Amino acid sequence: MKNYVVLLLHLILWSGYTLTEWLSKNDQIIYNILMFFVFVYIAVILGNYILKSTKKTLVITLASLLLYSSIHVTLNQF
């Protein structure tokens, strides 16, 4: 159940990243890249706090990032 909670929290976090990326669309690309790494760091810290396992945290973080990016790319096609 903790894995599911972390996955949902990560999807909320990635939604927040999309919102901040949209709000900073006129910024240079380096700032968007740095902002992405800040959100990845927050996701890892959040997952590790709840799961207490680094390996599970990294797997769920990568899975949530892949899931959210596939949804994001799919919605951009329309």
PDB file of N, CA and C in Angstrom:
ATOM      1  N   MET A   1       0.815  -1.186   0.000  1.00  0.00           N
ATOM      2  CA  MET A   1       0.000   0.000   0.000  1.00  0.00           C
ATOM      3  C   MET A   1       0.865   1.258   0.000  1.00  0.00           C
ATOM      4  N   LYS A   2       2.018   1.187   0.668  1.00  0.00           N
ATOM      5  CA  LYS A   2       2.914   2.346   0.698  1.00  0.00           C
ATOM      6  C   LYS A   2       3.431   2.675  -0.702  1.00  0.00           C
ATOM      7  N   ASN A   3       3.667   1.634  -1.495  1.00  0.00           N
ATOM      8  CA  ASN A   3       4.148   1.858  -2.858  1.00  0.00           C
ATOM      9  C   ASN A   3       3.129   2.652  -3.667  1.00  0.00           C
ATOM     10  N   TYR A   4       1.875   2.301  -3.512  1.00  0.00           N
ATOM     11  CA  TYR A   4       0.805   2.995  -4.224  1.00  0.00           C
ATOM     12  C   TYR A   4       0.701   4.451  -3.780  1.00  0.00           C
ATOM     13  N   VAL A   5       0.823   4.694  -2.488  1.00  0.00           N
ATOM     14  CA  VAL A   5       0.772   6.068  -1.963  1.00  0.00           C
ATOM     15  C   VAL A   5       1.925   6.895  -2.516  1.00  0.00           C
ATOM     16  N   VAL A   6       3.105   6.316  -2.547  1.00  0.00           N
ATOM     17  CA  VAL A   6       4.271   7.024  -3.082  1.00  0.00           C
ATOM     18  C   VAL A   6       4.085   7.306  -4.569  1.00  0.00           C
ATOM     19  N   LEU A   7       3.554   6.346  -5.304  1.00  0.00           N
ATOM     20  CA  LEU A   7       3.305   6.551  -6.730  1.00  0.00           C
ATOM     21  C   LEU A   7       2.323   7.700  -6.948  1.00  0.00           C
ATOM     22  N   LEU A   8       1.260   7.746  -6.176  1.00  0.00           N
ATOM     23  CA  LEU A   8       0.291   8.839  -6.305  1.00  0.00           C
ATOM     24  C   LEU A   8       0.900  10.183  -5.924  1.00  0.00           C
ATOM     25  N   LEU A   9       1.692  10.207  -4.870  1.00  0.00           N
ATOM     26  CA  LEU A   9       2.343  11.457  -4.480  1.00  0.00           C
ATOM     27  C   LEU A   9       3.336  11.929  -5.539  1.00  0.00           C
ATOM     28  N   HIS A  10       4.018  10.987  -6.164  1.00  0.00           N
ATOM     29  CA  HIS A  10       4.944  11.344  -7.237  1.00  0.00           C
ATOM     30  C   HIS A  10       4.195  11.917  -8.441  1.00  0.00           C
ATOM     31  N   LEU A  11       3.060  11.321  -8.771  1.00  0.00           N
ATOM     32  CA  LEU A  11       2.285  11.854  -9.895  1.00  0.00           C
ATOM     33  C   LEU A  11       1.782  13.264  -9.591  1.00  0.00           C
ATOM     34  N   ILE A  12       1.413  13.518  -8.344  1.00  0.00           N
ATOM     35  CA  ILE A  12       1.035  14.881  -7.948  1.00  0.00           C
ATOM     36  C   ILE A  12       2.235  15.807  -8.069  1.00  0.00           C
ATOM     37  N   LEU A  13       3.398  15.321  -7.663  1.00  0.00           N
ATOM     38  CA  LEU A  13       4.617  16.126  -7.750  1.00  0.00           C
ATOM     39  C   LEU A  13       4.979  16.433  -9.203  1.00  0.00           C
ATOM     40  N   TRP A  14       4.841  15.449 -10.092  1.00  0.00           N
ATOM     41  CA  TRP A  14       5.144  15.688 -11.510  1.00  0.00           C
ATOM     42  C   TRP A  14       4.137  16.659 -12.112  1.00  0.00           C
ATOM     43  N   SER A  15       2.915  16.633 -11.636  1.00  0.00           N
ATOM     44  CA  SER A  15       1.932  17.615 -12.096  1.00  0.00           C
ATOM     45  C   SER A  15       2.345  19.020 -11.671  1.00  0.00           C
ATOM     46  N   GLY A  16       2.873  19.128 -10.466  1.00  0.00           N
ATOM     47  CA  GLY A  16       3.396  20.415 -10.003  1.00  0.00           C
ATOM     48  C   GLY A  16       4.573  20.877 -10.841  1.00  0.00           C
ATOM     49  N   TYR A  17       5.413  19.925 -11.247  1.00  0.00           N
ATOM     50  CA  TYR A  17       6.532  20.272 -12.124  1.00  0.00           C
ATOM     51  C   TYR A  17       6.026  20.811 -13.463  1.00  0.00           C
ATOM     52  N   THR A  18       4.995  20.168 -14.018  1.00  0.00           N
ATOM     53  CA  THR A  18       4.440  20.629 -15.285  1.00  0.00           C
ATOM     54  C   THR A  18       3.874  22.037 -15.151  1.00  0.00           C
ATOM     55  N   LEU A  19       3.222  22.308 -14.042  1.00  0.00           N
ATOM     56  CA  LEU A  19       2.684  23.644 -13.802  1.00  0.00           C
ATOM     57  C   LEU A  19       3.801  24.680 -13.713  1.00  0.00           C
ATOM     58  N   THR A  20       4.855  24.388 -12.970  1.00  0.00           N
ATOM     59  CA  THR A  20       5.957  25.347 -12.858  1.00  0.00           C
ATOM     60  C   THR A  20       6.697  25.499 -14.180  1.00  0.00           C
ATOM     61  N   GLU A  21       6.788  24.421 -14.944  1.00  0.00           N
ATOM     62  CA  GLU A  21       7.421  24.505 -16.267  1.00  0.00           C
ATOM     63  C   GLU A  21       6.592  25.395 -17.193  1.00  0.00           C
ATOM     64  N   TRP A  22       5.280  25.263 -17.111  1.00  0.00           N
ATOM     65  CA  TRP A  22       4.391  26.085 -17.928  1.00  0.00           C
ATOM     66  C   TRP A  22       4.486  27.553 -17.518  1.00  0.00           C
ATOM     67  N   LEU A  23       4.587  27.816 -16.215  1.00  0.00           N
ATOM     68  CA  LEU A  23       4.689  29.191 -15.742  1.00  0.00           C
ATOM     69  C   LEU A  23       6.028  29.840 -16.090  1.00  0.00           C
ATOM     70  N   SER A  24       7.055  29.023 -16.290  1.00  0.00           N
ATOM     71  CA  SER A  24       8.377  29.561 -16.613  1.00  0.00           C
ATOM     72  C   SER A  24       8.764  29.239 -18.054  1.00  0.00           C
ATOM     73  N   LYS A  25       7.815  29.316 -18.960  1.00  0.00           N
ATOM     74  CA  LYS A  25       8.091  28.940 -20.354  1.00  0.00           C
ATOM     75  C   LYS A  25       9.049  29.898 -21.050  1.00  0.00           C
ATOM     76  N   ASN A  26       9.226  31.106 -20.518  1.00  0.00           N
ATOM     77  CA  ASN A  26      10.133  32.064 -21.138  1.00  0.00           C
ATOM     78  C   ASN A  26      11.542  32.010 -20.560  1.00  0.00           C
ATOM     79  N   ASP A  27      11.766  31.141 -19.582  1.00  0.00           N
ATOM     80  CA  ASP A  27      13.095  31.010 -18.991  1.00  0.00           C
ATOM     81  C   ASP A  27      14.028  30.247 -19.923  1.00  0.00           C
ATOM     82  N   GLN A  28      15.317  30.365 -19.630  1.00  0.00           N
ATOM     83  CA  GLN A  28      16.296  29.609 -20.406  1.00  0.00           C
ATOM     84  C   GLN A  28      16.177  28.127 -20.081  1.00  0.00           C
ATOM     85  N   ILE A  29      16.617  27.286 -20.991  1.00  0.00           N
ATOM     86  CA  ILE A  29      16.482  25.832 -20.862  1.00  0.00           C
ATOM     87  C   ILE A  29      17.276  25.297 -19.667  1.00  0.00           C
ATOM     88  N   ILE A  30      18.388  25.921 -19.325  1.00  0.00           N
ATOM     89  CA  ILE A  30      19.202  25.443 -18.201  1.00  0.00           C
ATOM     90  C   ILE A  30      18.428  25.539 -16.894  1.00  0.00           C
ATOM     91  N   TYR A  31      17.586  26.562 -16.757  1.00  0.00           N
ATOM     92  CA  TYR A  31      16.794  26.706 -15.535  1.00  0.00           C
ATOM     93  C   TYR A  31      15.700  25.642 -15.456  1.00  0.00           C
ATOM     94  N   ASN A  32      15.145  25.277 -16.586  1.00  0.00           N
ATOM     95  CA  ASN A  32      14.155  24.200 -16.593  1.00  0.00           C
ATOM     96  C   ASN A  32      14.796  22.855 -16.257  1.00  0.00           C
ATOM     97  N   ILE A  33      16.014  22.639 -16.726  1.00  0.00           N
ATOM     98  CA  ILE A  33      16.724  21.402 -16.410  1.00  0.00           C
ATOM     99  C   ILE A  33      17.054  21.343 -14.928  1.00  0.00           C
ATOM    100  N   LEU A  34      17.528  22.450 -14.371  1.00  0.00           N
ATOM    101  CA  LEU A  34      17.822  22.481 -12.940  1.00  0.00           C
ATOM    102  C   LEU A  34      16.558  22.286 -12.111  1.00  0.00           C
ATOM    103  N   MET A  35      15.464  22.873 -12.556  1.00  0.00           N
ATOM    104  CA  MET A  35      14.199  22.710 -11.856  1.00  0.00           C
ATOM    105  C   MET A  35      13.754  21.243 -11.897  1.00  0.00           C
ATOM    106  N   PHE A  36      13.975  20.570 -13.024  1.00  0.00           N
ATOM    107  CA  PHE A  36      13.643  19.152 -13.128  1.00  0.00           C
ATOM    108  C   PHE A  36      14.422  18.338 -12.108  1.00  0.00           C
ATOM    109  N   PHE A  37      15.715  18.608 -11.971  1.00  0.00           N
ATOM    110  CA  PHE A  37      16.519  17.861 -11.012  1.00  0.00           C
ATOM    111  C   PHE A  37      16.105  18.155  -9.574  1.00  0.00           C
ATOM    112  N   VAL A  38      15.651  19.358  -9.307  1.00  0.00           N
ATOM    113  CA  VAL A  38      15.141  19.678  -7.967  1.00  0.00           C
ATOM    114  C   VAL A  38      13.889  18.852  -7.679  1.00  0.00           C
ATOM    115  N   PHE A  39      12.998  18.738  -8.659  1.00  0.00           N
ATOM    116  CA  PHE A  39      11.791  17.937  -8.461  1.00  0.00           C
ATOM    117  C   PHE A  39      12.118  16.452  -8.338  1.00  0.00           C
ATOM    118  N   VAL A  40      13.098  15.962  -9.065  1.00  0.00           N
ATOM    119  CA  VAL A  40      13.515  14.555  -8.917  1.00  0.00           C
ATOM    120  C   VAL A  40      14.071  14.328  -7.511  1.00  0.00           C
ATOM    121  N   TYR A  41      14.854  15.283  -7.036  1.00  0.00           N
ATOM    122  CA  TYR A  41      15.411  15.176  -5.681  1.00  0.00           C
ATOM    123  C   TYR A  41      14.301  15.146  -4.637  1.00  0.00           C
ATOM    124  N   ILE A  42      13.311  16.016  -4.788  1.00  0.00           N
ATOM    125  CA  ILE A  42      12.182  16.039  -3.856  1.00  0.00           C
ATOM    126  C   ILE A  42      11.418  14.716  -3.919  1.00  0.00           C
ATOM    127  N   ALA A  43      11.247  14.170  -5.107  1.00  0.00           N
ATOM    128  CA  ALA A  43      10.541  12.885  -5.256  1.00  0.00           C
ATOM    129  C   ALA A  43      11.298  11.760  -4.557  1.00  0.00           C
ATOM    130  N   VAL A  44      12.600  11.738  -4.704  1.00  0.00           N
ATOM    131  CA  VAL A  44      13.401  10.689  -4.070  1.00  0.00           C
ATOM    132  C   VAL A  44      13.357  10.831  -2.545  1.00  0.00           C
ATOM    133  N   ILE A  45      13.488  12.044  -2.058  1.00  0.00           N
ATOM    134  CA  ILE A  45      13.445  12.265  -0.609  1.00  0.00           C
ATOM    135  C   ILE A  45      12.081  11.871  -0.047  1.00  0.00           C
ATOM    136  N   LEU A  46      11.016  12.262  -0.735  1.00  0.00           N
ATOM    137  CA  LEU A  46       9.662  11.927  -0.297  1.00  0.00           C
ATOM    138  C   LEU A  46       9.439  10.415  -0.292  1.00  0.00           C
ATOM    139  N   GLY A  47       9.844   9.750  -1.356  1.00  0.00           N
ATOM    140  CA  GLY A  47       9.685   8.304  -1.438  1.00  0.00           C
ATOM    141  C   GLY A  47      10.506   7.563  -0.398  1.00  0.00           C
ATOM    142  N   ASN A  48      11.717   8.023  -0.173  1.00  0.00           N
ATOM    143  CA  ASN A  48      12.587   7.376   0.808  1.00  0.00           C
ATOM    144  C   ASN A  48      12.061   7.591   2.224  1.00  0.00           C
ATOM    145  N   TYR A  49      11.443   8.732   2.475  1.00  0.00           N
ATOM    146  CA  TYR A  49      10.874   9.007   3.791  1.00  0.00           C
ATOM    147  C   TYR A  49       9.715   8.057   4.101  1.00  0.00           C
ATOM    148  N   ILE A  50       8.913   7.768   3.101  1.00  0.00           N
ATOM    149  CA  ILE A  50       7.749   6.911   3.313  1.00  0.00           C
ATOM    150  C   ILE A  50       8.123   5.426   3.261  1.00  0.00           C
ATOM    151  N   LEU A  51       8.925   5.040   2.285  1.00  0.00           N
ATOM    152  CA  LEU A  51       9.226   3.622   2.079  1.00  0.00           C
ATOM    153  C   LEU A  51      10.369   3.090   2.942  1.00  0.00           C
ATOM    154  N   LYS A  52      11.287   3.936   3.306  1.00  0.00           N
ATOM    155  CA  LYS A  52      12.470   3.538   4.084  1.00  0.00           C
ATOM    156  C   LYS A  52      13.341   2.521   3.348  1.00  0.00           C
ATOM    157  N   SER A  53      13.294   2.578   2.014  1.00  0.00           N
ATOM    158  CA  SER A  53      14.099   1.677   1.196  1.00  0.00           C
ATOM    159  C   SER A  53      14.560   2.435  -0.042  1.00  0.00           C
ATOM    160  N   THR A  54      15.857   2.558  -0.189  1.00  0.00           N
ATOM    161  CA  THR A  54      16.404   3.317  -1.304  1.00  0.00           C
ATOM    162  C   THR A  54      16.117   2.648  -2.641  1.00  0.00           C
ATOM    163  N   LYS A  55      16.234   1.330  -2.687  1.00  0.00           N
ATOM    164  CA  LYS A  55      16.015   0.607  -3.940  1.00  0.00           C
ATOM    165  C   LYS A  55      14.568   0.739  -4.409  1.00  0.00           C
ATOM    166  N   LYS A  56      13.610   0.535  -3.513  1.00  0.00           N
ATOM    167  CA  LYS A  56      12.204   0.683  -3.877  1.00  0.00           C
ATOM    168  C   LYS A  56      11.896   2.116  -4.282  1.00  0.00           C
ATOM    169  N   THR A  57      12.513   3.049  -3.576  1.00  0.00           N
ATOM    170  CA  THR A  57      12.284   4.467  -3.895  1.00  0.00           C
ATOM    171  C   THR A  57      12.732   4.789  -5.307  1.00  0.00           C
ATOM    172  N   LEU A  58      13.913   4.349  -5.676  1.00  0.00           N
ATOM    173  CA  LEU A  58      14.421   4.634  -7.019  1.00  0.00           C
ATOM    174  C   LEU A  58      13.581   3.963  -8.097  1.00  0.00           C
ATOM    175  N   VAL A  59      13.135   2.734  -7.847  1.00  0.00           N
ATOM    176  CA  VAL A  59      12.314   2.024  -8.826  1.00  0.00           C
ATOM    177  C   VAL A  59      10.972   2.730  -9.005  1.00  0.00           C
ATOM    178  N   ILE A  60      10.337   3.102  -7.908  1.00  0.00           N
ATOM    179  CA  ILE A  60       9.038   3.765  -7.996  1.00  0.00           C
ATOM    180  C   ILE A  60       9.178   5.165  -8.591  1.00  0.00           C
ATOM    181  N   THR A  61      10.264   5.863  -8.265  1.00  0.00           N
ATOM    182  CA  THR A  61      10.485   7.189  -8.844  1.00  0.00           C
ATOM    183  C   THR A  61      10.655   7.100 -10.355  1.00  0.00           C
ATOM    184  N   LEU A  62      11.434   6.157 -10.815  1.00  0.00           N
ATOM    185  CA  LEU A  62      11.610   5.992 -12.257  1.00  0.00           C
ATOM    186  C   LEU A  62      10.321   5.541 -12.934  1.00  0.00           C
ATOM    187  N   ALA A  63       9.585   4.655 -12.277  1.00  0.00           N
ATOM    188  CA  ALA A  63       8.313   4.193 -12.841  1.00  0.00           C
ATOM    189  C   ALA A  63       7.309   5.335 -12.933  1.00  0.00           C
ATOM    190  N   SER A  64       7.231   6.152 -11.892  1.00  0.00           N
ATOM    191  CA  SER A  64       6.284   7.266 -11.922  1.00  0.00           C
ATOM    192  C   SER A  64       6.698   8.307 -12.950  1.00  0.00           C
ATOM    193  N   LEU A  65       7.988   8.517 -13.090  1.00  0.00           N
ATOM    194  CA  LEU A  65       8.471   9.470 -14.097  1.00  0.00           C
ATOM    195  C   LEU A  65       8.170   8.966 -15.502  1.00  0.00           C
ATOM    196  N   LEU A  66       8.369   7.691 -15.751  1.00  0.00           N
ATOM    197  CA  LEU A  66       8.045   7.123 -17.063  1.00  0.00           C
ATOM    198  C   LEU A  66       6.547   7.156 -17.337  1.00  0.00           C
ATOM    199  N   LEU A  67       5.758   6.835 -16.328  1.00  0.00           N
ATOM    200  CA  LEU A  67       4.308   6.870 -16.482  1.00  0.00           C
ATOM    201  C   LEU A  67       3.826   8.284 -16.774  1.00  0.00           C
ATOM    202  N   TYR A  68       4.304   9.232 -16.005  1.00  0.00           N
ATOM    203  CA  TYR A  68       3.851  10.610 -16.198  1.00  0.00           C
ATOM    204  C   TYR A  68       4.342  11.189 -17.523  1.00  0.00           C
ATOM    205  N   SER A  69       5.573  10.875 -17.901  1.00  0.00           N
ATOM    206  CA  SER A  69       6.072  11.404 -19.170  1.00  0.00           C
ATOM    207  C   SER A  69       5.339  10.781 -20.354  1.00  0.00           C
ATOM    208  N   SER A  70       4.958   9.512 -20.249  1.00  0.00           N
ATOM    209  CA  SER A  70       4.187   8.906 -21.342  1.00  0.00           C
ATOM    210  C   SER A  70       2.791   9.531 -21.440  1.00  0.00           C
ATOM    211  N   ILE A  71       2.177   9.823 -20.304  1.00  0.00           N
ATOM    212  CA  ILE A  71       0.888  10.518 -20.321  1.00  0.00           C
ATOM    213  C   ILE A  71       1.046  11.911 -20.892  1.00  0.00           C
ATOM    214  N   HIS A  72       2.102  12.598 -20.489  1.00  0.00           N
ATOM    215  CA  HIS A  72       2.361  13.967 -20.965  1.00  0.00           C
ATOM    216  C   HIS A  72       2.584  14.013 -22.476  1.00  0.00           C
ATOM    217  N   VAL A  73       3.365  13.075 -22.996  1.00  0.00           N
ATOM    218  CA  VAL A  73       3.648  13.024 -24.428  1.00  0.00           C
ATOM    219  C   VAL A  73       2.385  12.660 -25.197  1.00  0.00           C
ATOM    220  N   THR A  74       1.610  11.722 -24.662  1.00  0.00           N
ATOM    221  CA  THR A  74       0.376  11.315 -25.324  1.00  0.00           C
ATOM    222  C   THR A  74      -0.619  12.474 -25.401  1.00  0.00           C
ATOM    223  N   LEU A  75      -0.752  13.214 -24.322  1.00  0.00           N
ATOM    224  CA  LEU A  75      -1.684  14.344 -24.333  1.00  0.00           C
ATOM    225  C   LEU A  75      -1.214  15.492 -25.232  1.00  0.00           C
ATOM    226  N   ASN A  76       0.095  15.617 -25.410  1.00  0.00           N
ATOM    227  CA  ASN A  76       0.618  16.656 -26.308  1.00  0.00           C
ATOM    228  C   ASN A  76       0.359  16.324 -27.774  1.00  0.00           C
ATOM    229  N   GLN A  77       0.089  15.060 -28.075  1.00  0.00           N
ATOM    230  CA  GLN A  77      -0.197  14.661 -29.446  1.00  0.00           C
ATOM    231  C   GLN A  77      -1.556  15.169 -29.919  1.00  0.00           C
ATOM    232  N   PHE A  78      -2.443  15.403 -28.959  1.00  0.00           N
ATOM    233  CA  PHE A  78      -3.790  15.852 -29.292  1.00  0.00           C
ATOM    234  C   PHE A  78      -3.873  17.298 -29.264  1.00  0.00           C
TER     235      PHE A  78
END
